[in-house]
Amino acid sequence: MEAHFYVSSSPHIRDRESIRKIMFSVVVALIPALVGAVYFFGARALWITVVSVLTAIITEGLIQKLRKVPVTISDGSAVVTGILLAYNLPAGCPYWLPVIGSFFAIAIGKQAFGGLGYNPMNPALLGRAFLLASWPVRMTSEWVAPRGGTLSGITTWTGATPLNLLKQARKVIHHKELYTDNKIQESFRILSDISSSYSALFWGKVGGCLGETSVILLLIGALYLLYKRYIGLEIPVTYIGVVALLAWAFNGTKGLFTGDPLFHILSGGLILGAFFMATDMVTTPVTVKGKLIFGAGCGVLTVFIRQFGGYPEGVSYSILLMNLTTPIIDRYVKPKIFGHKKVE
């Protein structure tokens, strides 16, 4: 009796995880932030998310049909892209904005490169970047004051989101010759009042993109993904740590090491970006060392954009730029092959 042996390429280790299971676990992890968005910004937040998700699913299915490849909308990856795209939009934006952004994210950011696993950049962030470049006013002015709070998270200041308020105050202080004494004094009061916004930022009683404002709800979802071991701490901890260090060192108005690191951690999209987008399995390095480099790079770019860029936020662009470096990082931090000896 002949024995038949089948040879296949590595890896040979298998487990019960699947793309579908991982993606829908991410959806579950994002639900607390959605519940918070609906509570703070109303039912409109839910409808923006639904429109974005449906557009992503329909776009993916149609393009795969046109490409004559298997339709994989049931794997959940388009759902995750739609949710993350919605989470990066102002709560008061028109409904056509998530439609265009989600379509671009799937069609250009994902399917144009061959589909899931081949996209070099995070599709949701690419969609957001496209919307920000095309409709900057819509993307930076359609803010909605949250239930029980103000746009800034500070009861005495109601006219801007936290990072916008900080950027305006810093601009006045660094160019005092262009402003009146009253405006300068007002800016110093804003900076002194920022510490009172910590609680509002933590719970989500601030203005901003609909899925990024509540730190506590995002952390609940992140803990679930950490428990499931779908993400690790290397990128988030490095990313947040570098932002905190550089913000403390260089973002103050009274010289070095006078910045407010906690404000920079809690405000904007840092927590959403660090745990849910910078940890994307497709667009980030595979080795521990590579992930540390990636997280550090995201942190440096975020602080640089926040401090010197035209927009107060820098999370999206920092992750996208570091996505492009992933192949280089993976190439130069390859682990040593077991048993391999370098020939002189």
C-alpha atoms as a PDB file:
ATOM      1  CA  MET A   1       0.000   0.000   0.000  1.00  0.00           C
ATOM      2  CA  GLU A   2       1.452   3.323  -1.065  1.00  0.00           C
ATOM      3  CA  ALA A   3       1.627   6.252   1.335  1.00  0.00           C
ATOM      4  CA  HIS A   4       0.840   9.681  -0.018  1.00  0.00           C
ATOM      5  CA  PHE A   5       2.533  12.741   1.417  1.00  0.00           C
ATOM      6  CA  TYR A   6       1.317  16.245   0.649  1.00  0.00           C
ATOM      7  CA  VAL A   7       3.821  19.092   0.731  1.00  0.00           C
ATOM      8  CA  SER A   8       2.679  22.658   1.345  1.00  0.00           C
ATOM      9  CA  SER A   9       4.448  25.921   2.021  1.00  0.00           C
ATOM     10  CA  SER A  10       4.786  27.346   5.507  1.00  0.00           C
ATOM     11  CA  PRO A  11       3.357  28.420   7.878  1.00  0.00           C
ATOM     12  CA  HIS A  12       1.931  25.142   9.120  1.00  0.00           C
ATOM     13  CA  ILE A  13       0.523  26.390  12.446  1.00  0.00           C
ATOM     14  CA  ARG A  14      -3.233  26.816  12.353  1.00  0.00           C
ATOM     15  CA  ASP A  15      -5.830  28.085  14.811  1.00  0.00           C
ATOM     16  CA  ARG A  16      -9.532  28.796  14.836  1.00  0.00           C
ATOM     17  CA  GLU A  17      -9.241  32.537  14.231  1.00  0.00           C
ATOM     18  CA  SER A  18     -10.564  33.930  10.968  1.00  0.00           C
ATOM     19  CA  ILE A  19     -10.791  37.313   9.298  1.00  0.00           C
ATOM     20  CA  ARG A  20     -14.533  37.373   9.916  1.00  0.00           C
ATOM     21  CA  LYS A  21     -14.142  36.581  13.623  1.00  0.00           C
ATOM     22  CA  ILE A  22     -11.453  39.228  14.099  1.00  0.00           C
ATOM     23  CA  MET A  23     -13.324  41.919  12.179  1.00  0.00           C
ATOM     24  CA  PHE A  24     -16.575  41.428  14.027  1.00  0.00           C
ATOM     25  CA  SER A  25     -14.668  41.451  17.310  1.00  0.00           C
ATOM     26  CA  VAL A  26     -13.391  44.891  16.297  1.00  0.00           C
ATOM     27  CA  VAL A  27     -16.992  45.909  15.563  1.00  0.00           C
ATOM     28  CA  VAL A  28     -17.989  44.784  19.054  1.00  0.00           C
ATOM     29  CA  ALA A  29     -15.081  46.770  20.525  1.00  0.00           C
ATOM     30  CA  LEU A  30     -16.255  49.899  18.685  1.00  0.00           C
ATOM     31  CA  ILE A  31     -19.861  49.673  19.903  1.00  0.00           C
ATOM     32  CA  PRO A  32     -19.293  51.431  23.282  1.00  0.00           C
ATOM     33  CA  ALA A  33     -17.960  54.507  21.463  1.00  0.00           C
ATOM     34  CA  LEU A  34     -21.000  54.450  19.154  1.00  0.00           C
ATOM     35  CA  VAL A  35     -23.369  54.284  22.126  1.00  0.00           C
ATOM     36  CA  GLY A  36     -21.532  57.265  23.610  1.00  0.00           C
ATOM     37  CA  ALA A  37     -21.710  59.180  20.324  1.00  0.00           C
ATOM     38  CA  VAL A  38     -25.485  58.673  20.128  1.00  0.00           C
ATOM     39  CA  TYR A  39     -25.882  59.772  23.744  1.00  0.00           C
ATOM     40  CA  PHE A  40     -23.738  62.891  23.403  1.00  0.00           C
ATOM     41  CA  PHE A  41     -24.608  63.960  19.833  1.00  0.00           C
ATOM     42  CA  GLY A  42     -28.035  62.439  19.239  1.00  0.00           C
ATOM     43  CA  ALA A  43     -29.448  59.952  16.732  1.00  0.00           C
ATOM     44  CA  ARG A  44     -27.671  61.729  13.886  1.00  0.00           C
ATOM     45  CA  ALA A  45     -24.431  60.050  14.982  1.00  0.00           C
ATOM     46  CA  LEU A  46     -26.048  56.647  14.497  1.00  0.00           C
ATOM     47  CA  TRP A  47     -27.390  57.531  11.037  1.00  0.00           C
ATOM     48  CA  ILE A  48     -24.015  58.870   9.888  1.00  0.00           C
ATOM     49  CA  THR A  49     -22.448  55.564  10.945  1.00  0.00           C
ATOM     50  CA  VAL A  50     -25.167  53.488   9.247  1.00  0.00           C
ATOM     51  CA  VAL A  51     -24.820  55.469   6.002  1.00  0.00           C
ATOM     52  CA  SER A  52     -21.047  55.058   6.075  1.00  0.00           C
ATOM     53  CA  VAL A  53     -21.197  51.303   6.740  1.00  0.00           C
ATOM     54  CA  LEU A  54     -23.837  50.633   4.073  1.00  0.00           C
ATOM     55  CA  THR A  55     -21.833  52.618   1.513  1.00  0.00           C
ATOM     56  CA  ALA A  56     -18.695  50.637   2.342  1.00  0.00           C
ATOM     57  CA  ILE A  57     -20.470  47.286   2.001  1.00  0.00           C
ATOM     58  CA  ILE A  58     -22.231  48.192  -1.261  1.00  0.00           C
ATOM     59  CA  THR A  59     -19.060  49.666  -2.780  1.00  0.00           C
ATOM     60  CA  GLU A  60     -16.997  46.612  -1.916  1.00  0.00           C
ATOM     61  CA  GLY A  61     -19.611  44.200  -3.287  1.00  0.00           C
ATOM     62  CA  LEU A  62     -20.063  46.100  -6.553  1.00  0.00           C
ATOM     63  CA  ILE A  63     -16.334  46.467  -7.218  1.00  0.00           C
ATOM     64  CA  GLN A  64     -15.661  42.802  -6.489  1.00  0.00           C
ATOM     65  CA  LYS A  65     -18.488  41.901  -8.887  1.00  0.00           C
ATOM     66  CA  LEU A  66     -16.952  44.127 -11.555  1.00  0.00           C
ATOM     67  CA  ARG A  67     -13.513  42.619 -10.921  1.00  0.00           C
ATOM     68  CA  LYS A  68     -15.057  39.140 -11.157  1.00  0.00           C
ATOM     69  CA  VAL A  69     -13.510  38.040  -7.899  1.00  0.00           C
ATOM     70  CA  PRO A  70     -15.242  36.401  -4.917  1.00  0.00           C
ATOM     71  CA  VAL A  71     -17.492  38.828  -3.028  1.00  0.00           C
ATOM     72  CA  THR A  72     -16.234  38.973   0.561  1.00  0.00           C
ATOM     73  CA  ILE A  73     -18.520  41.553   2.164  1.00  0.00           C
ATOM     74  CA  SER A  74     -19.453  38.986   4.819  1.00  0.00           C
ATOM     75  CA  ASP A  75     -15.920  39.041   6.287  1.00  0.00           C
ATOM     76  CA  GLY A  76     -16.696  42.277   8.141  1.00  0.00           C
ATOM     77  CA  SER A  77     -13.709  44.298   6.915  1.00  0.00           C
ATOM     78  CA  ALA A  78     -15.918  46.752   5.002  1.00  0.00           C
ATOM     79  CA  VAL A  79     -18.082  47.192   8.100  1.00  0.00           C
ATOM     80  CA  VAL A  80     -15.017  48.113  10.178  1.00  0.00           C
ATOM     81  CA  THR A  81     -13.859  50.586   7.513  1.00  0.00           C
ATOM     82  CA  GLY A  82     -17.303  52.197   7.422  1.00  0.00           C
ATOM     83  CA  ILE A  83     -17.471  52.562  11.195  1.00  0.00           C
ATOM     84  CA  LEU A  84     -13.972  54.011  11.497  1.00  0.00           C
ATOM     85  CA  LEU A  85     -14.625  56.454   8.653  1.00  0.00           C
ATOM     86  CA  ALA A  86     -17.796  57.631  10.413  1.00  0.00           C
ATOM     87  CA  TYR A  87     -15.929  57.968  13.709  1.00  0.00           C
ATOM     88  CA  ASN A  88     -13.592  60.447  12.005  1.00  0.00           C
ATOM     89  CA  LEU A  89     -16.392  62.804  10.905  1.00  0.00           C
ATOM     90  CA  PRO A  90     -17.969  65.775  12.706  1.00  0.00           C
ATOM     91  CA  ALA A  91     -21.324  64.921  14.262  1.00  0.00           C
ATOM     92  CA  GLY A  92     -23.039  67.688  12.301  1.00  0.00           C
ATOM     93  CA  CYS A  93     -21.720  66.809   8.845  1.00  0.00           C
ATOM     94  CA  PRO A  94     -24.158  66.298   5.919  1.00  0.00           C
ATOM     95  CA  TYR A  95     -24.999  62.707   4.999  1.00  0.00           C
ATOM     96  CA  TRP A  96     -23.325  62.904   1.606  1.00  0.00           C
ATOM     97  CA  LEU A  97     -19.947  63.299   3.326  1.00  0.00           C
ATOM     98  CA  PRO A  98     -19.811  59.737   4.759  1.00  0.00           C
ATOM     99  CA  VAL A  99     -21.106  58.412   1.431  1.00  0.00           C
ATOM    100  CA  ILE A 100     -18.240  59.962  -0.536  1.00  0.00           C
ATOM    101  CA  GLY A 101     -15.645  59.245   2.135  1.00  0.00           C
ATOM    102  CA  SER A 102     -16.643  55.615   2.547  1.00  0.00           C
ATOM    103  CA  PHE A 103     -16.788  55.077  -1.213  1.00  0.00           C
ATOM    104  CA  PHE A 104     -13.270  56.522  -1.594  1.00  0.00           C
ATOM    105  CA  ALA A 105     -11.965  54.472   1.331  1.00  0.00           C
ATOM    106  CA  ILE A 106     -13.123  51.188  -0.196  1.00  0.00           C
ATOM    107  CA  ALA A 107     -12.719  51.899  -3.919  1.00  0.00           C
ATOM    108  CA  ILE A 108      -9.376  53.728  -3.835  1.00  0.00           C
ATOM    109  CA  GLY A 109      -7.940  52.875  -0.432  1.00  0.00           C
ATOM    110  CA  LYS A 110      -8.655  49.163  -0.573  1.00  0.00           C
ATOM    111  CA  GLN A 111      -9.971  47.595  -3.788  1.00  0.00           C
ATOM    112  CA  ALA A 112      -7.694  49.579  -6.118  1.00  0.00           C
ATOM    113  CA  PHE A 113      -4.752  47.735  -4.541  1.00  0.00           C
ATOM    114  CA  GLY A 114      -6.361  44.301  -4.745  1.00  0.00           C
ATOM    115  CA  GLY A 115      -8.529  44.159  -1.645  1.00  0.00           C
ATOM    116  CA  LEU A 116      -7.992  43.213   1.973  1.00  0.00           C
ATOM    117  CA  GLY A 117      -4.373  42.442   2.760  1.00  0.00           C
ATOM    118  CA  TYR A 118      -2.941  44.409  -0.154  1.00  0.00           C
ATOM    119  CA  ASN A 119      -3.797  47.997   0.823  1.00  0.00           C
ATOM    120  CA  PRO A 120      -0.677  49.953   1.870  1.00  0.00           C
ATOM    121  CA  MET A 121      -2.600  52.489   3.977  1.00  0.00           C
ATOM    122  CA  ASN A 122      -5.529  52.360   6.354  1.00  0.00           C
ATOM    123  CA  PRO A 123      -8.596  52.795   4.088  1.00  0.00           C
ATOM    124  CA  ALA A 124     -10.721  54.673   6.626  1.00  0.00           C
ATOM    125  CA  LEU A 125      -7.962  57.202   7.301  1.00  0.00           C
ATOM    126  CA  LEU A 126      -7.330  57.589   3.587  1.00  0.00           C
ATOM    127  CA  GLY A 127     -11.020  58.361   3.132  1.00  0.00           C
ATOM    128  CA  ARG A 128     -10.857  60.940   5.899  1.00  0.00           C
ATOM    129  CA  ALA A 129      -7.760  62.531   4.382  1.00  0.00           C
ATOM    130  CA  PHE A 130      -9.561  62.788   1.029  1.00  0.00           C
ATOM    131  CA  LEU A 131     -12.560  64.483   2.640  1.00  0.00           C
ATOM    132  CA  LEU A 132     -10.351  66.864   4.616  1.00  0.00           C
ATOM    133  CA  ALA A 133      -8.481  67.876   1.464  1.00  0.00           C
ATOM    134  CA  SER A 134     -11.653  68.247  -0.600  1.00  0.00           C
ATOM    135  CA  TRP A 135     -14.054  69.825   1.909  1.00  0.00           C
ATOM    136  CA  PRO A 136     -11.902  71.300   4.696  1.00  0.00           C
ATOM    137  CA  VAL A 137     -14.603  73.678   5.940  1.00  0.00           C
ATOM    138  CA  ARG A 138     -17.178  70.911   6.256  1.00  0.00           C
ATOM    139  CA  MET A 139     -14.665  68.694   8.026  1.00  0.00           C
ATOM    140  CA  THR A 140     -13.551  71.333  10.516  1.00  0.00           C
ATOM    141  CA  SER A 141     -16.672  73.357  11.277  1.00  0.00           C
ATOM    142  CA  GLU A 142     -19.660  71.009  11.533  1.00  0.00           C
ATOM    143  CA  TRP A 143     -19.126  70.473  15.258  1.00  0.00           C
ATOM    144  CA  VAL A 144     -21.991  69.766  17.653  1.00  0.00           C
ATOM    145  CA  ALA A 145     -21.913  70.597  21.353  1.00  0.00           C
ATOM    146  CA  PRO A 146     -22.332  67.382  23.373  1.00  0.00           C
ATOM    147  CA  ARG A 147     -25.179  66.739  25.758  1.00  0.00           C
ATOM    148  CA  GLY A 148     -24.228  68.111  29.156  1.00  0.00           C
ATOM    149  CA  GLY A 149     -21.033  69.776  27.939  1.00  0.00           C
ATOM    150  CA  THR A 150     -19.438  72.367  25.681  1.00  0.00           C
ATOM    151  CA  LEU A 151     -17.403  72.130  22.494  1.00  0.00           C
ATOM    152  CA  SER A 152     -14.203  72.881  24.379  1.00  0.00           C
ATOM    153  CA  GLY A 153     -15.001  70.837  27.468  1.00  0.00           C
ATOM    154  CA  ILE A 154     -14.447  73.994  29.529  1.00  0.00           C
ATOM    155  CA  THR A 155     -17.554  75.698  30.894  1.00  0.00           C
ATOM    156  CA  THR A 156     -16.106  79.184  30.381  1.00  0.00           C
ATOM    157  CA  TRP A 157     -15.164  78.568  26.726  1.00  0.00           C
ATOM    158  CA  THR A 158     -17.776  77.277  24.312  1.00  0.00           C
ATOM    159  CA  GLY A 159     -16.717  78.269  20.808  1.00  0.00           C
ATOM    160  CA  ALA A 160     -14.148  75.666  19.708  1.00  0.00           C
ATOM    161  CA  THR A 161     -13.086  72.049  20.170  1.00  0.00           C
ATOM    162  CA  PRO A 162     -10.267  71.426  22.708  1.00  0.00           C
ATOM    163  CA  LEU A 163      -7.355  71.211  20.260  1.00  0.00           C
ATOM    164  CA  ASN A 164      -8.684  74.161  18.244  1.00  0.00           C
ATOM    165  CA  LEU A 165      -8.921  76.246  21.401  1.00  0.00           C
ATOM    166  CA  LEU A 166      -5.352  75.340  22.401  1.00  0.00           C
ATOM    167  CA  LYS A 167      -3.990  76.097  18.931  1.00  0.00           C
ATOM    168  CA  GLN A 168      -5.708  79.501  18.821  1.00  0.00           C
ATOM    169  CA  ALA A 169      -4.382  80.433  22.263  1.00  0.00           C
ATOM    170  CA  ARG A 170      -0.834  79.361  21.425  1.00  0.00           C
ATOM    171  CA  LYS A 171      -0.929  81.323  18.173  1.00  0.00           C
ATOM    172  CA  VAL A 172      -1.871  84.509  20.000  1.00  0.00           C
ATOM    173  CA  ILE A 173       0.778  84.045  22.696  1.00  0.00           C
ATOM    174  CA  HIS A 174       3.556  83.346  20.180  1.00  0.00           C
ATOM    175  CA  HIS A 175       2.631  86.404  18.089  1.00  0.00           C
ATOM    176  CA  LYS A 176       1.697  88.915  20.766  1.00  0.00           C
ATOM    177  CA  GLU A 177       2.616  91.884  18.590  1.00  0.00           C
ATOM    178  CA  LEU A 178      -0.335  91.129  16.312  1.00  0.00           C
ATOM    179  CA  TYR A 179      -3.034  91.074  19.004  1.00  0.00           C
ATOM    180  CA  THR A 180      -4.599  93.344  21.597  1.00  0.00           C
ATOM    181  CA  ASP A 181      -3.847  93.053  25.305  1.00  0.00           C
ATOM    182  CA  ASN A 182      -7.353  91.724  25.928  1.00  0.00           C
ATOM    183  CA  LYS A 183      -6.844  88.939  23.385  1.00  0.00           C
ATOM    184  CA  ILE A 184      -3.481  88.033  24.905  1.00  0.00           C
ATOM    185  CA  GLN A 185      -4.930  87.894  28.426  1.00  0.00           C
ATOM    186  CA  GLU A 186      -7.818  85.787  27.164  1.00  0.00           C
ATOM    187  CA  SER A 187      -5.379  83.309  25.624  1.00  0.00           C
ATOM    188  CA  PHE A 188      -3.483  82.946  28.886  1.00  0.00           C
ATOM    189  CA  ARG A 189      -6.788  82.302  30.681  1.00  0.00           C
ATOM    190  CA  ILE A 190      -7.610  79.582  28.167  1.00  0.00           C
ATOM    191  CA  LEU A 191      -4.313  77.838  28.858  1.00  0.00           C
ATOM    192  CA  SER A 192      -4.842  78.070  32.614  1.00  0.00           C
ATOM    193  CA  ASP A 193      -8.372  76.633  32.258  1.00  0.00           C
ATOM    194  CA  ILE A 194      -7.333  73.657  30.117  1.00  0.00           C
ATOM    195  CA  SER A 195      -6.707  71.450  33.132  1.00  0.00           C
ATOM    196  CA  SER A 196     -10.401  71.735  34.020  1.00  0.00           C
ATOM    197  CA  SER A 197     -11.274  69.922  30.791  1.00  0.00           C
ATOM    198  CA  TYR A 198      -9.666  66.604  31.791  1.00  0.00           C
ATOM    199  CA  SER A 199     -12.894  65.134  33.161  1.00  0.00           C
ATOM    200  CA  ALA A 200     -14.946  66.194  30.141  1.00  0.00           C
ATOM    201  CA  LEU A 201     -12.333  64.748  27.774  1.00  0.00           C
ATOM    202  CA  PHE A 202     -12.227  61.472  29.668  1.00  0.00           C
ATOM    203  CA  TRP A 203     -15.991  60.958  29.674  1.00  0.00           C
ATOM    204  CA  GLY A 204     -16.707  62.491  26.254  1.00  0.00           C
ATOM    205  CA  LYS A 205     -18.458  65.767  27.082  1.00  0.00           C
ATOM    206  CA  VAL A 206     -16.553  67.667  24.389  1.00  0.00           C
ATOM    207  CA  GLY A 207     -16.953  68.495  20.735  1.00  0.00           C
ATOM    208  CA  GLY A 208     -15.081  66.616  18.055  1.00  0.00           C
ATOM    209  CA  CYS A 209     -15.429  63.760  15.609  1.00  0.00           C
ATOM    210  CA  LEU A 210     -18.308  61.573  16.703  1.00  0.00           C
ATOM    211  CA  GLY A 211     -16.321  58.462  17.636  1.00  0.00           C
ATOM    212  CA  GLU A 212     -13.218  59.948  19.217  1.00  0.00           C
ATOM    213  CA  THR A 213     -14.421  62.062  22.137  1.00  0.00           C
ATOM    214  CA  SER A 214     -15.020  59.536  24.945  1.00  0.00           C
ATOM    215  CA  VAL A 215     -11.702  58.162  26.159  1.00  0.00           C
ATOM    216  CA  ILE A 216     -13.268  55.785  28.679  1.00  0.00           C
ATOM    217  CA  LEU A 217     -15.559  54.136  26.093  1.00  0.00           C
ATOM    218  CA  LEU A 218     -12.715  53.728  23.605  1.00  0.00           C
ATOM    219  CA  LEU A 219     -10.536  52.167  26.301  1.00  0.00           C
ATOM    220  CA  ILE A 220     -13.282  49.669  27.151  1.00  0.00           C
ATOM    221  CA  GLY A 221     -13.274  48.527  23.529  1.00  0.00           C
ATOM    222  CA  ALA A 222      -9.482  48.481  23.417  1.00  0.00           C
ATOM    223  CA  LEU A 223      -9.315  46.301  26.535  1.00  0.00           C
ATOM    224  CA  TYR A 224     -11.612  43.797  24.826  1.00  0.00           C
ATOM    225  CA  LEU A 225      -9.284  43.585  21.803  1.00  0.00           C
ATOM    226  CA  LEU A 226      -6.273  43.243  24.088  1.00  0.00           C
ATOM    227  CA  TYR A 227      -8.037  40.455  25.968  1.00  0.00           C
ATOM    228  CA  LYS A 228      -8.742  38.688  22.672  1.00  0.00           C
ATOM    229  CA  ARG A 229      -5.079  39.274  21.709  1.00  0.00           C
ATOM    230  CA  TYR A 230      -6.053  40.844  18.380  1.00  0.00           C
ATOM    231  CA  ILE A 231      -3.909  43.860  19.164  1.00  0.00           C
ATOM    232  CA  GLY A 232      -0.816  44.361  21.306  1.00  0.00           C
ATOM    233  CA  LEU A 233       0.418  47.169  23.503  1.00  0.00           C
ATOM    234  CA  GLU A 234       3.616  47.889  21.564  1.00  0.00           C
ATOM    235  CA  ILE A 235       2.186  50.458  19.146  1.00  0.00           C
ATOM    236  CA  PRO A 236      -0.426  52.154  21.403  1.00  0.00           C
ATOM    237  CA  VAL A 237       1.883  52.547  24.402  1.00  0.00           C
ATOM    238  CA  THR A 238       4.806  53.780  22.303  1.00  0.00           C
ATOM    239  CA  TYR A 239       2.575  56.118  20.304  1.00  0.00           C
ATOM    240  CA  ILE A 240       0.860  57.657  23.330  1.00  0.00           C
ATOM    241  CA  GLY A 241       4.095  57.769  25.327  1.00  0.00           C
ATOM    242  CA  VAL A 242       6.004  59.660  22.620  1.00  0.00           C
ATOM    243  CA  VAL A 243       3.125  62.135  22.202  1.00  0.00           C
ATOM    244  CA  ALA A 244       3.076  62.738  25.963  1.00  0.00           C
ATOM    245  CA  LEU A 245       6.851  63.189  26.171  1.00  0.00           C
ATOM    246  CA  LEU A 246       7.148  65.549  23.206  1.00  0.00           C
ATOM    247  CA  ALA A 247       4.050  67.554  24.162  1.00  0.00           C
ATOM    248  CA  TRP A 248       5.475  68.029  27.660  1.00  0.00           C
ATOM    249  CA  ALA A 249       8.895  68.970  26.307  1.00  0.00           C
ATOM    250  CA  PHE A 250       7.997  71.267  23.416  1.00  0.00           C
ATOM    251  CA  ASN A 251       4.325  72.282  23.549  1.00  0.00           C
ATOM    252  CA  GLY A 252       4.454  74.663  26.489  1.00  0.00           C
ATOM    253  CA  THR A 253       4.411  78.450  26.286  1.00  0.00           C
ATOM    254  CA  LYS A 254       6.938  79.034  29.079  1.00  0.00           C
ATOM    255  CA  GLY A 255       9.902  77.169  27.648  1.00  0.00           C
ATOM    256  CA  LEU A 256      10.961  73.524  27.555  1.00  0.00           C
ATOM    257  CA  PHE A 257       9.122  70.937  29.658  1.00  0.00           C
ATOM    258  CA  THR A 258       6.142  73.165  30.406  1.00  0.00           C
ATOM    259  CA  GLY A 259       3.599  71.512  28.103  1.00  0.00           C
ATOM    260  CA  ASP A 260       0.479  69.624  29.175  1.00  0.00           C
ATOM    261  CA  PRO A 261       0.944  65.950  28.184  1.00  0.00           C
ATOM    262  CA  LEU A 262      -2.313  64.730  29.730  1.00  0.00           C
ATOM    263  CA  PHE A 263      -4.359  67.178  27.644  1.00  0.00           C
ATOM    264  CA  HIS A 264      -2.703  65.922  24.470  1.00  0.00           C
ATOM    265  CA  ILE A 265      -3.361  62.304  25.401  1.00  0.00           C
ATOM    266  CA  LEU A 266      -7.041  62.838  26.160  1.00  0.00           C
ATOM    267  CA  SER A 267      -7.921  65.267  23.368  1.00  0.00           C
ATOM    268  CA  GLY A 268      -8.455  64.727  19.664  1.00  0.00           C
ATOM    269  CA  GLY A 269      -8.293  61.310  18.057  1.00  0.00           C
ATOM    270  CA  LEU A 270      -5.185  59.949  19.771  1.00  0.00           C
ATOM    271  CA  ILE A 271      -6.856  57.130  21.711  1.00  0.00           C
ATOM    272  CA  LEU A 272      -9.011  56.094  18.740  1.00  0.00           C
ATOM    273  CA  GLY A 273      -6.012  56.213  16.419  1.00  0.00           C
ATOM    274  CA  ALA A 274      -3.547  54.496  18.738  1.00  0.00           C
ATOM    275  CA  PHE A 275      -5.731  51.489  19.586  1.00  0.00           C
ATOM    276  CA  PHE A 276      -7.987  51.036  16.574  1.00  0.00           C
ATOM    277  CA  MET A 277      -6.144  52.350  13.495  1.00  0.00           C
ATOM    278  CA  ALA A 278      -2.409  52.315  14.201  1.00  0.00           C
ATOM    279  CA  THR A 279      -2.789  48.633  15.145  1.00  0.00           C
ATOM    280  CA  ASP A 280      -4.260  47.598  11.784  1.00  0.00           C
ATOM    281  CA  MET A 281      -2.730  44.196  10.965  1.00  0.00           C
ATOM    282  CA  VAL A 282      -2.342  44.904   7.249  1.00  0.00           C
ATOM    283  CA  THR A 283      -0.642  48.295   7.307  1.00  0.00           C
ATOM    284  CA  THR A 284       1.671  48.029  10.321  1.00  0.00           C
ATOM    285  CA  PRO A 285       4.957  46.147  10.943  1.00  0.00           C
ATOM    286  CA  VAL A 286       4.914  42.513  12.017  1.00  0.00           C
ATOM    287  CA  THR A 287       7.841  42.438  14.464  1.00  0.00           C
ATOM    288  CA  VAL A 288       7.908  43.859  17.976  1.00  0.00           C
ATOM    289  CA  LYS A 289      10.856  46.108  17.155  1.00  0.00           C
ATOM    290  CA  GLY A 290       9.102  47.274  14.008  1.00  0.00           C
ATOM    291  CA  LYS A 291       5.953  48.091  15.961  1.00  0.00           C
ATOM    292  CA  LEU A 292       7.929  50.162  18.458  1.00  0.00           C
ATOM    293  CA  ILE A 293       9.512  52.129  15.617  1.00  0.00           C
ATOM    294  CA  PHE A 294       6.106  52.577  13.980  1.00  0.00           C
ATOM    295  CA  GLY A 295       4.472  53.820  17.202  1.00  0.00           C
ATOM    296  CA  ALA A 296       7.321  56.220  17.902  1.00  0.00           C
ATOM    297  CA  GLY A 297       7.126  57.613  14.380  1.00  0.00           C
ATOM    298  CA  CYS A 298       3.377  58.176  14.721  1.00  0.00           C
ATOM    299  CA  GLY A 299       3.968  60.021  17.986  1.00  0.00           C
ATOM    300  CA  VAL A 300       6.636  62.318  16.550  1.00  0.00           C
ATOM    301  CA  LEU A 301       4.537  63.181  13.497  1.00  0.00           C
ATOM    302  CA  THR A 302       1.392  63.784  15.548  1.00  0.00           C
ATOM    303  CA  VAL A 303       3.061  66.320  17.830  1.00  0.00           C
ATOM    304  CA  PHE A 304       4.838  67.965  14.885  1.00  0.00           C
ATOM    305  CA  ILE A 305       1.566  68.413  12.965  1.00  0.00           C
ATOM    306  CA  ARG A 306      -0.328  69.595  16.046  1.00  0.00           C
ATOM    307  CA  GLN A 307       2.327  72.164  16.809  1.00  0.00           C
ATOM    308  CA  PHE A 308       3.300  73.423  13.348  1.00  0.00           C
ATOM    309  CA  GLY A 309       0.603  72.236  10.952  1.00  0.00           C
ATOM    310  CA  GLY A 310      -2.391  74.118   9.648  1.00  0.00           C
ATOM    311  CA  TYR A 311      -4.808  71.732  11.375  1.00  0.00           C
ATOM    312  CA  PRO A 312      -4.961  71.243  15.155  1.00  0.00           C
ATOM    313  CA  GLU A 313      -5.055  67.442  14.833  1.00  0.00           C
ATOM    314  CA  GLY A 314      -2.328  65.204  13.447  1.00  0.00           C
ATOM    315  CA  VAL A 315      -3.313  61.611  14.233  1.00  0.00           C
ATOM    316  CA  SER A 316      -4.762  60.648  10.840  1.00  0.00           C
ATOM    317  CA  TYR A 317      -1.897  61.971   8.734  1.00  0.00           C
ATOM    318  CA  SER A 318       0.746  60.603  11.075  1.00  0.00           C
ATOM    319  CA  ILE A 319      -0.630  57.055  10.820  1.00  0.00           C
ATOM    320  CA  LEU A 320      -1.022  57.297   7.037  1.00  0.00           C
ATOM    321  CA  LEU A 321       2.546  58.507   6.604  1.00  0.00           C
ATOM    322  CA  MET A 322       3.898  55.760   8.834  1.00  0.00           C
ATOM    323  CA  ASN A 323       1.817  53.187   6.914  1.00  0.00           C
ATOM    324  CA  LEU A 324       3.984  54.025   3.907  1.00  0.00           C
ATOM    325  CA  THR A 325       7.129  53.229   5.892  1.00  0.00           C
ATOM    326  CA  THR A 326       5.917  49.781   6.988  1.00  0.00           C
ATOM    327  CA  PRO A 327       7.601  47.847   4.123  1.00  0.00           C
ATOM    328  CA  ILE A 328      10.896  49.603   4.864  1.00  0.00           C
ATOM    329  CA  ILE A 329      10.617  48.955   8.597  1.00  0.00           C
ATOM    330  CA  ASP A 330       9.772  45.286   8.018  1.00  0.00           C
ATOM    331  CA  ARG A 331      12.735  44.949   5.666  1.00  0.00           C
ATOM    332  CA  TYR A 332      15.319  46.323   8.082  1.00  0.00           C
ATOM    333  CA  VAL A 333      14.127  44.739  11.320  1.00  0.00           C
ATOM    334  CA  LYS A 334      13.836  41.164  10.120  1.00  0.00           C
ATOM    335  CA  PRO A 335      14.295  38.656  12.952  1.00  0.00           C
ATOM    336  CA  LYS A 336      17.325  36.393  12.715  1.00  0.00           C
ATOM    337  CA  ILE A 337      16.696  32.992  11.151  1.00  0.00           C
ATOM    338  CA  PHE A 338      17.148  30.228  13.697  1.00  0.00           C
ATOM    339  CA  GLY A 339      20.349  28.338  12.976  1.00  0.00           C
ATOM    340  CA  HIS A 340      21.496  30.806  10.300  1.00  0.00           C
ATOM    341  CA  LYS A 341      25.137  31.807  10.334  1.00  0.00           C
ATOM    342  CA  LYS A 342      26.222  34.883   8.459  1.00  0.00           C
ATOM    343  CA  VAL A 343      28.936  34.151   5.917  1.00  0.00           C
ATOM    344  CA  GLU A 344      31.799  36.658   6.009  1.00  0.00           C
END
